Amino acid sequence: MGTVLSISQATKKSSIMDAKLAGEAHKNDKSLKRPSMFVSISWKKLVANPAKKSAKKVTPNPIPACEIPSGRVDQLNSENTRKTHQTEEKKSKAPIPVPVPTVPQDAVVQNGKPSAVQKQPSSVSLVSPRRIVIQASTGELLHCLGDFMCRRCFKLKELNSGDVVIWFRNIDRTLLLQGWQDLGFITPANVVFVYLLCEDTISDSIDSKAELQGTFQTCLYLAYSYMGNEISYPLKPFMIESNKDVFWETSLRIINRLSAKMLQLNADPQFFTEVFQDLKNQRDTCEANLDR
């Protein structure tokens, strides 16, 4: 006594269709679930990066300004105006600074008035020494040299200042013509040097014009050798018969006695000025008065 179940074909077909549909739905669920993982990961990255960037540039929320009532604003403005007026009034009332004259330390107040104190004169003079300027031409110095020779050798009545100038110029011209020098030696400084030698060498005991010429030309030889532009000079124009025997003896005597002064004349301007002035003062007073 059993029961018989009968299944119709329609139900069998529907059950098969349902199974197929369920299988396809399961497959579709798997295919949909796989990409969702990638989408979620990429979405997390996209969301995280802007969050980091925005975290660096966070700006605080501005504090809302409190609203001040209009009546309070008017009150503050009036107070500021009043303070400004008070400050300006104080400045205008302040006294103006006036420089007060100071009394020097060397002054003494007498009867309410300062009077200067007289200082004691010091022994040391603060004034710089006066600078002396002397001017003279070469020709004038040559005449002064000639006048000195005439005054020193007063025993030679026939001697005049022109003779000394001729002796000097003849030797200088001879050296130029013979080619021993390219430039003339006669200059104011060289004339002063010759006067330094003659003033110490020529004595008032000379009683011969030839002796005077020999001594004078010996002084010229030393002056050319010391002050001249050339290395050496010949003896012939300077040495003559009257001084041939005593030429070198006189030269050595002059060198030994006047070597220091010759060096000082070129090194010390004050000493040169003194000798220069001394030579200029040798001019004959009669001729000087005629020139004036």
Protein backbone atom coordinates (compact mmCIF):
# COMPACT_ATOMS: atom_id res chain seq x y z
CA MET A 1 0.00 0.00 0.00
CA GLY A 2 2.18 2.51 -1.16
CA THR A 3 1.74 5.99 -2.52
CA VAL A 4 2.84 7.01 -5.91
CA LEU A 5 4.19 10.44 -6.53
CA SER A 6 3.82 11.72 -9.95
CA ILE A 7 5.79 14.70 -11.23
CA SER A 8 4.51 16.51 -14.18
CA GLN A 9 6.82 17.61 -16.99
CA ALA A 10 5.95 21.25 -16.48
CA THR A 11 7.17 21.20 -12.91
CA LYS A 12 10.28 19.29 -13.97
CA LYS A 13 11.07 21.90 -16.57
CA SER A 14 10.46 24.74 -14.16
CA SER A 15 12.78 23.17 -11.58
CA ILE A 16 15.52 22.79 -14.16
CA MET A 17 15.10 26.39 -15.27
CA ASP A 18 15.25 27.54 -11.68
CA ALA A 19 18.52 25.66 -11.15
CA LYS A 20 20.06 27.19 -14.24
CA LEU A 21 19.02 30.66 -13.20
CA ALA A 22 20.46 30.11 -9.75
CA GLY A 23 23.78 28.97 -11.23
CA GLU A 24 24.03 31.96 -13.52
CA ALA A 25 23.18 34.32 -10.68
CA HIS A 26 25.95 32.76 -8.59
CA LYS A 27 28.42 33.28 -11.39
CA ASN A 28 27.33 36.89 -11.84
CA ASP A 29 27.76 37.51 -8.14
CA LYS A 30 31.35 36.29 -8.27
CA SER A 31 32.16 38.42 -11.32
CA LEU A 32 30.71 41.46 -9.61
CA LYS A 33 32.46 40.88 -6.31
CA ARG A 34 36.03 40.72 -7.77
CA PRO A 35 36.24 44.24 -9.24
CA SER A 36 34.63 45.68 -6.13
CA MET A 37 37.89 45.04 -4.23
CA PHE A 38 39.93 47.12 -6.69
CA VAL A 39 37.36 49.82 -6.73
CA SER A 40 37.39 50.03 -2.97
CA ILE A 41 41.22 50.14 -2.79
CA SER A 42 41.51 52.88 -5.39
CA TRP A 43 38.75 54.80 -3.71
CA LYS A 44 40.58 54.62 -0.39
CA LYS A 45 43.75 56.00 -1.99
CA LEU A 46 41.87 58.81 -3.66
CA VAL A 47 40.22 59.71 -0.41
CA ALA A 48 43.45 59.46 1.69
CA ASN A 49 45.72 61.65 -0.53
CA PRO A 50 43.52 64.73 -0.59
CA ALA A 51 43.10 64.32 3.15
CA LYS A 52 46.90 64.53 3.69
CA LYS A 53 47.25 67.55 1.42
CA SER A 54 44.38 69.32 3.06
CA ALA A 55 45.91 68.55 6.47
CA LYS A 56 49.03 70.59 5.59
CA LYS A 57 47.04 73.64 4.54
CA VAL A 58 44.62 73.86 7.36
CA THR A 59 43.64 77.43 8.03
CA PRO A 60 42.15 78.30 11.36
CA ASN A 61 38.71 79.56 11.37
CA PRO A 62 38.74 83.38 11.52
CA ILE A 63 37.62 84.84 14.78
CA PRO A 64 34.43 86.60 14.18
CA ALA A 65 34.84 90.30 14.79
CA CYS A 66 32.79 91.56 17.58
CA GLU A 67 30.44 94.21 16.56
CA ILE A 68 30.99 97.51 18.38
CA PRO A 69 28.00 99.67 18.78
CA SER A 70 28.07 102.98 16.92
CA GLY A 71 27.77 104.97 20.13
CA ARG A 72 30.93 103.37 21.53
CA VAL A 73 32.85 104.22 18.33
CA ASP A 74 31.92 107.90 18.63
CA GLN A 75 33.07 107.90 22.25
CA LEU A 76 36.47 106.42 21.38
CA ASN A 77 36.99 108.94 18.57
CA SER A 78 36.26 111.86 20.88
CA GLU A 79 38.71 110.56 23.50
CA ASN A 80 41.51 110.22 20.90
CA THR A 81 40.88 113.76 19.66
CA ARG A 82 41.01 115.15 23.21
CA LYS A 83 44.34 113.37 23.96
CA THR A 84 45.87 114.73 20.74
CA HIS A 85 44.91 118.31 21.65
CA GLN A 86 46.38 117.93 25.14
CA THR A 87 49.73 116.65 23.74
CA GLU A 88 49.98 119.57 21.31
CA GLU A 89 49.28 122.09 24.08
CA LYS A 90 52.05 120.59 26.26
CA LYS A 91 54.55 120.85 23.39
CA SER A 92 53.65 124.47 22.70
CA LYS A 93 54.03 125.42 26.37
CA ALA A 94 57.46 123.72 26.73
CA PRO A 95 60.42 126.20 26.93
CA ILE A 96 62.62 126.60 23.85
CA PRO A 97 66.24 125.50 24.53
CA VAL A 98 68.66 128.45 24.21
CA PRO A 99 72.44 127.91 24.09
CA VAL A 100 74.10 129.34 27.19
CA PRO A 101 77.50 131.02 26.62
CA THR A 102 80.25 129.27 28.55
CA VAL A 103 83.07 131.14 30.24
CA PRO A 104 86.53 129.90 29.20
CA GLN A 105 88.75 128.35 31.80
CA ASP A 106 91.32 131.13 31.42
CA ALA A 107 88.80 133.82 32.37
CA VAL A 108 88.14 135.33 35.80
CA VAL A 109 84.81 136.83 36.77
CA GLN A 110 85.19 140.41 38.01
CA ASN A 111 82.11 142.46 39.01
CA GLY A 112 79.87 139.94 37.34
CA LYS A 113 81.73 140.16 34.02
CA PRO A 114 84.28 137.61 32.81
CA SER A 115 87.70 139.00 31.99
CA ALA A 116 90.44 137.14 30.18
CA VAL A 117 93.56 136.16 32.05
CA GLN A 118 96.86 137.20 30.49
CA LYS A 119 99.10 134.20 29.97
CA GLN A 120 102.75 134.36 30.80
CA PRO A 121 104.91 134.56 27.67
CA SER A 122 106.72 131.30 27.02
CA SER A 123 110.36 131.13 26.12
CA VAL A 124 109.62 128.88 23.13
CA SER A 125 108.30 130.76 20.12
CA LEU A 126 105.33 129.13 18.39
CA VAL A 127 105.74 131.17 15.21
CA SER A 128 107.38 129.25 12.39
CA PRO A 129 110.65 130.73 11.11
CA ARG A 130 110.27 133.25 8.33
CA ARG A 131 111.04 131.92 4.89
CA ILE A 132 113.57 134.03 3.06
CA VAL A 133 113.30 134.24 -0.72
CA ILE A 134 116.40 135.49 -2.54
CA GLN A 135 116.49 136.15 -6.26
CA ALA A 136 119.48 137.01 -8.37
CA SER A 137 120.53 136.45 -11.96
CA THR A 138 123.71 134.70 -13.03
CA GLY A 139 125.23 137.92 -14.31
CA GLU A 140 124.49 139.71 -11.04
CA LEU A 141 126.12 136.92 -9.02
CA LEU A 142 129.20 137.01 -11.27
CA HIS A 143 129.58 140.76 -10.64
CA CYS A 144 129.16 140.11 -6.90
CA LEU A 145 131.94 137.51 -7.11
CA GLY A 146 134.20 140.01 -8.96
CA ASP A 147 133.51 142.72 -6.37
CA PHE A 148 134.44 140.30 -3.59
CA MET A 149 137.78 139.50 -5.29
CA CYS A 150 138.58 143.18 -5.74
CA ARG A 151 137.72 143.95 -2.11
CA ARG A 152 139.72 140.99 -0.80
CA CYS A 153 142.83 141.67 -2.94
CA PHE A 154 143.00 145.37 -2.19
CA LYS A 155 146.72 145.44 -3.05
CA LEU A 156 145.92 144.90 -6.73
CA LYS A 157 144.94 148.38 -7.78
CA GLU A 158 144.58 147.47 -11.46
CA LEU A 159 142.13 144.62 -10.77
CA ASN A 160 138.45 145.09 -11.53
CA SER A 161 135.44 142.78 -11.23
CA GLY A 162 135.25 142.31 -15.01
CA ASP A 163 138.61 140.52 -15.06
CA VAL A 164 137.34 137.76 -12.77
CA VAL A 165 134.20 137.33 -14.91
CA ILE A 166 136.34 137.05 -18.08
CA TRP A 167 138.54 134.35 -16.55
CA PHE A 168 135.48 132.36 -15.60
CA ARG A 169 133.71 132.71 -18.98
CA ASN A 170 136.83 131.93 -21.03
CA ILE A 171 137.34 128.58 -19.32
CA ASP A 172 133.66 127.64 -19.72
CA ARG A 173 133.67 128.61 -23.41
CA THR A 174 136.88 126.65 -24.07
CA LEU A 175 135.42 123.47 -22.58
CA LEU A 176 132.30 123.87 -24.72
CA LEU A 177 134.26 124.43 -27.94
CA GLN A 178 136.59 121.51 -27.30
CA GLY A 179 133.68 119.17 -26.57
CA TRP A 180 134.51 118.50 -22.94
CA GLN A 181 131.00 119.50 -21.91
CA ASP A 182 127.66 119.77 -23.66
CA LEU A 183 126.09 122.37 -21.37
CA GLY A 184 127.49 125.52 -19.84
CA PHE A 185 128.64 125.33 -16.24
CA ILE A 186 127.88 128.92 -15.22
CA THR A 187 124.61 128.87 -13.25
CA PRO A 188 123.59 130.67 -10.02
CA ALA A 189 124.08 127.54 -7.89
CA ASN A 190 127.55 126.87 -9.35
CA VAL A 191 128.59 130.49 -8.87
CA VAL A 192 127.62 130.19 -5.19
CA PHE A 193 129.77 127.04 -4.96
CA VAL A 194 132.76 128.84 -6.51
CA TYR A 195 132.31 131.71 -4.05
CA LEU A 196 132.41 129.24 -1.13
CA LEU A 197 135.81 127.99 -2.28
CA CYS A 198 137.24 131.42 -3.12
CA GLU A 199 136.07 132.99 0.15
CA ASP A 200 138.19 130.51 2.14
CA THR A 201 141.14 130.11 -0.26
CA ILE A 202 141.98 133.57 -1.58
CA SER A 203 143.82 135.67 0.98
CA ASP A 204 144.40 139.39 1.17
CA SER A 205 148.18 138.85 0.98
CA ILE A 206 148.12 138.22 -2.78
CA ASP A 207 150.05 140.97 -4.53
CA SER A 208 150.16 139.60 -8.07
CA LYS A 209 147.37 139.40 -10.62
CA ALA A 210 148.85 136.18 -12.11
CA GLU A 211 148.92 134.58 -8.67
CA LEU A 212 145.30 135.54 -8.12
CA GLN A 213 144.31 134.07 -11.50
CA GLY A 214 146.16 130.80 -10.76
CA THR A 215 144.48 130.40 -7.35
CA PHE A 216 141.07 131.32 -8.76
CA GLN A 217 141.34 128.78 -11.59
CA THR A 218 142.38 126.09 -9.13
CA CYS A 219 139.11 126.75 -7.29
CA LEU A 220 137.30 126.54 -10.62
CA TYR A 221 138.82 123.13 -11.35
CA LEU A 222 137.54 121.73 -8.06
CA ALA A 223 134.12 123.30 -8.66
CA TYR A 224 133.87 121.77 -12.15
CA SER A 225 135.01 118.39 -10.83
CA TYR A 226 132.46 118.44 -8.00
CA MET A 227 129.45 120.19 -9.58
CA GLY A 228 129.98 119.65 -13.30
CA ASN A 229 127.90 117.35 -15.50
CA GLU A 230 130.90 115.49 -16.92
CA ILE A 231 132.89 112.68 -15.30
CA SER A 232 136.27 114.36 -15.76
CA TYR A 233 137.75 117.59 -17.11
CA PRO A 234 141.15 118.37 -18.65
CA LEU A 235 143.81 120.25 -16.66
CA LYS A 236 145.01 122.51 -19.47
CA PRO A 237 142.37 125.28 -19.28
CA PHE A 238 142.74 125.48 -15.48
CA MET A 239 146.48 125.04 -15.03
CA ILE A 240 148.70 127.93 -16.07
CA GLU A 241 152.36 128.85 -15.51
CA SER A 242 151.65 130.79 -12.33
CA ASN A 243 150.00 127.87 -10.53
CA LYS A 244 151.70 124.86 -12.18
CA ASP A 245 153.99 124.18 -9.24
CA VAL A 246 151.39 124.63 -6.53
CA PHE A 247 148.27 123.44 -8.39
CA TRP A 248 147.91 120.04 -6.71
CA GLU A 249 149.12 121.28 -3.37
CA THR A 250 146.48 124.00 -3.36
CA SER A 251 143.82 121.54 -4.53
CA LEU A 252 144.52 119.08 -1.70
CA ARG A 253 144.55 121.88 0.85
CA ILE A 254 141.13 123.10 -0.31
CA ILE A 255 139.69 119.54 -0.28
CA ASN A 256 140.94 118.82 3.24
CA ARG A 257 139.64 122.08 4.63
CA LEU A 258 136.31 122.52 2.77
CA SER A 259 135.11 119.00 2.00
CA ALA A 260 132.48 119.10 4.78
CA LYS A 261 131.17 122.50 3.69
CA MET A 262 130.96 121.40 0.06
CA LEU A 263 128.75 118.50 1.09
CA GLN A 264 126.69 120.71 3.40
CA LEU A 265 126.07 123.26 0.65
CA ASN A 266 124.24 120.65 -1.41
CA ALA A 267 122.51 118.94 1.52
CA ASP A 268 121.37 121.88 3.69
CA PRO A 269 119.11 124.48 2.02
CA GLN A 270 119.51 126.87 4.94
CA PHE A 271 123.29 126.83 4.63
CA PHE A 272 123.02 127.38 0.87
CA THR A 273 120.74 130.37 1.48
CA GLU A 274 123.22 131.88 3.90
CA VAL A 275 126.10 131.56 1.42
CA PHE A 276 123.88 132.88 -1.36
CA GLN A 277 122.93 135.93 0.70
CA ASP A 278 126.55 136.49 1.67
CA LEU A 279 127.59 136.50 -1.99
CA LYS A 280 124.82 138.90 -2.93
CA ASN A 281 125.89 141.27 -0.17
CA GLN A 282 129.40 141.48 -1.72
CA ARG A 283 128.13 143.81 -4.43
CA ASP A 284 129.82 147.18 -4.41
CA THR A 285 127.60 149.69 -2.60
CA CYS A 286 128.20 152.36 -5.20
CA GLU A 287 127.02 150.13 -8.05
CA ALA A 288 124.04 148.98 -6.01
CA ASN A 289 122.97 152.56 -5.44
CA LEU A 290 123.30 153.30 -9.16
CA ASP A 291 121.05 150.35 -10.01
CA ARG A 292 118.39 151.68 -7.68
